[in-house]
C-alpha cells in the first residue's frame, strides 16, 4: 500500500493498532494545549478509562484552512516500531526519534518523515471530537 496524504485516507503503518481514548479539558488539566502550535505527550494513563495507544499519544494544536484543529499521533517511531522508542517534540512543529534520528512534521497533521531513515509517517489517530474546551481523542 502507498502512503496516504489526505485526512481521511488510510495508510500502512508498522505501528500496531492499539486502543486510544483520551479526554482533554482545555480549561484545566490540558490548558497547555490552548496556544497554537502547542503539544502534549501522553505516556501513562491519567484515569482508569484512558487508553494511550501503542507507544503513547502526541497531541498537537495546529490549524487547517485557518481554523484551529487538534491532531493526534502515536509516539512510537514508525522506523523503530517499538512501544518504548518514542518520538519527542523538537522545534515546536516537528517530532524526532531519539534512536534513528528521523524527523517528522506534525504541524500539517500528516506526521510525514522529513529527515532520516523513516519511510512511513507517524501513526495518526483521526477520531477527535470537540465541544469547545472538552476534546476526546479516540480510535
Protein backbone atom coordinates (compact mmCIF):
# COMPACT_ATOMS: atom_id res chain seq x y z
CA UNK A 1 0.00 0.00 0.00
CA UNK A 2 1.13 3.55 -0.62
CA UNK A 3 1.27 6.37 1.85
CA UNK A 4 -1.93 8.30 2.39
CA UNK A 5 -1.79 12.06 2.32
CA UNK A 6 -5.37 13.11 2.88
CA UNK A 7 -7.01 13.36 6.27
CA UNK A 8 -9.46 10.55 5.52
CA UNK A 9 -7.18 8.13 3.68
CA UNK A 10 -5.90 5.07 5.49
CA UNK A 11 -2.23 4.24 5.10
CA UNK A 12 0.06 1.41 6.12
CA UNK A 13 1.83 1.83 9.43
CA UNK A 14 4.30 -0.56 11.05
CA UNK A 15 2.85 0.56 14.39
CA UNK A 16 0.21 -1.97 15.52
CA UNK A 17 -3.34 -0.86 16.22
CA UNK A 18 -3.93 -0.07 19.88
CA UNK A 19 -6.88 1.47 21.68
CA UNK A 20 -6.91 5.23 22.26
CA UNK A 21 -9.32 7.15 24.48
CA UNK A 22 -8.08 10.44 25.93
CA UNK A 23 -10.36 13.15 27.31
CA UNK A 24 -8.79 16.60 27.25
CA UNK A 25 -10.02 19.59 29.23
CA UNK A 26 -8.57 22.82 27.84
CA UNK A 27 -9.91 24.82 30.80
CA UNK A 28 -7.97 22.89 33.46
CA UNK A 29 -5.61 19.89 33.17
CA UNK A 30 -4.73 20.42 29.49
CA UNK A 31 -4.65 24.23 29.37
CA UNK A 32 -1.12 24.00 27.95
CA UNK A 33 -2.69 22.89 24.64
CA UNK A 34 -4.60 26.17 24.19
CA UNK A 35 -1.83 28.13 22.40
CA UNK A 36 -1.45 27.49 18.69
CA UNK A 37 1.42 25.09 17.84
CA UNK A 38 1.45 23.65 21.35
CA UNK A 39 1.71 19.93 22.03
CA UNK A 40 1.41 17.44 24.85
CA UNK A 41 2.58 13.84 25.14
CA UNK A 42 0.64 11.15 27.00
CA UNK A 43 2.73 8.14 28.04
CA UNK A 44 0.75 7.00 31.08
CA UNK A 45 -2.96 6.77 31.69
CA UNK A 46 -4.38 9.58 33.85
CA UNK A 47 -7.65 7.76 34.56
CA UNK A 48 -8.77 4.14 34.54
CA UNK A 49 -10.75 4.66 31.33
CA UNK A 50 -7.95 6.31 29.35
CA UNK A 51 -6.13 4.28 26.71
CA UNK A 52 -2.91 5.69 25.24
CA UNK A 53 -2.21 3.72 22.07
CA UNK A 54 0.88 1.67 21.37
CA UNK A 55 3.71 3.99 22.43
CA UNK A 56 1.69 6.85 23.88
CA UNK A 57 -0.08 9.74 22.18
CA UNK A 58 1.20 13.09 20.96
CA UNK A 59 -1.50 15.78 20.67
CA UNK A 60 -0.70 18.86 18.59
CA UNK A 61 -2.78 22.06 18.32
CA UNK A 62 -2.46 23.35 14.76
CA UNK A 63 -4.67 24.83 12.07
CA UNK A 64 -6.38 23.69 8.91
CA UNK A 65 -7.80 26.19 6.43
CA UNK A 66 -7.36 28.95 9.01
CA UNK A 67 -9.29 27.12 11.75
CA UNK A 68 -7.89 25.60 14.93
CA UNK A 69 -7.53 21.84 14.74
CA UNK A 70 -6.10 19.17 17.02
CA UNK A 71 -4.05 16.29 15.62
CA UNK A 72 -3.07 13.09 17.43
CA UNK A 73 -0.21 10.71 16.64
CA UNK A 74 1.20 7.60 18.27
CA UNK A 75 4.53 8.44 19.91
CA UNK A 76 6.17 5.22 18.66
CA UNK A 77 8.67 5.84 15.88
CA UNK A 78 7.46 4.01 12.74
CA UNK A 79 11.05 3.23 11.77
CA UNK A 80 11.88 1.53 15.10
CA UNK A 81 8.32 0.15 15.64
CA UNK A 82 8.80 -0.42 19.40
CA UNK A 83 6.45 0.95 22.04
CA UNK A 84 9.40 2.06 24.17
CA UNK A 85 11.09 4.15 21.45
CA UNK A 86 9.08 7.35 21.41
CA UNK A 87 9.43 10.48 19.36
CA UNK A 88 9.71 13.80 21.16
CA UNK A 89 8.69 17.28 20.03
CA UNK A 90 11.57 19.29 18.64
CA UNK A 91 11.36 22.87 17.36
CA UNK A 92 7.61 23.03 18.19
CA UNK A 93 6.48 21.86 14.71
CA UNK A 94 8.49 18.66 14.39
CA UNK A 95 8.99 15.40 16.28
CA UNK A 96 12.22 13.40 16.30
CA UNK A 97 13.14 9.82 17.14
CA UNK A 98 15.97 9.65 19.71
CA UNK A 99 17.28 6.38 18.20
CA UNK A 100 17.17 6.58 14.38
CA UNK A 101 17.11 10.41 14.39
CA UNK A 102 14.22 10.55 11.89
CA UNK A 103 12.35 13.85 11.94
CA UNK A 104 8.59 14.12 11.33
CA UNK A 105 6.48 17.19 10.61
CA UNK A 106 3.47 17.38 12.93
CA UNK A 107 2.06 20.81 12.04
CA UNK A 108 0.14 19.63 8.95
CA UNK A 109 -1.49 16.71 10.71
CA UNK A 110 0.17 14.11 8.49
CA UNK A 111 3.31 13.28 10.51
CA UNK A 112 5.38 12.70 7.38
CA UNK A 113 9.10 11.99 7.70
CA UNK A 114 11.25 14.90 6.52
CA UNK A 115 14.68 13.68 7.59
CA UNK A 116 16.36 10.37 8.49
CA UNK A 117 15.72 6.75 7.51
CA UNK A 118 11.97 6.56 8.33
CA UNK A 119 9.81 5.74 5.31
CA UNK A 120 6.41 5.89 6.99
CA UNK A 121 4.63 8.76 8.74
CA UNK A 122 3.74 8.72 12.40
CA UNK A 123 0.59 6.70 13.05
CA UNK A 124 -2.36 9.10 13.18
CA UNK A 125 -5.44 8.88 15.35
CA UNK A 126 -8.22 10.59 13.41
CA UNK A 127 -11.04 10.18 15.91
CA UNK A 128 -11.23 13.61 17.52
CA UNK A 129 -14.41 15.26 18.77
CA UNK A 130 -14.72 18.63 20.43
CA UNK A 131 -17.30 20.84 22.08
CA UNK A 132 -15.03 23.82 22.75
CA UNK A 133 -12.91 23.17 25.82
CA UNK A 134 -13.56 19.41 26.05
CA UNK A 135 -11.87 17.25 23.42
CA UNK A 136 -11.92 13.47 23.08
CA UNK A 137 -9.32 11.59 21.07
CA UNK A 138 -10.28 8.02 20.19
CA UNK A 139 -10.00 5.26 17.61
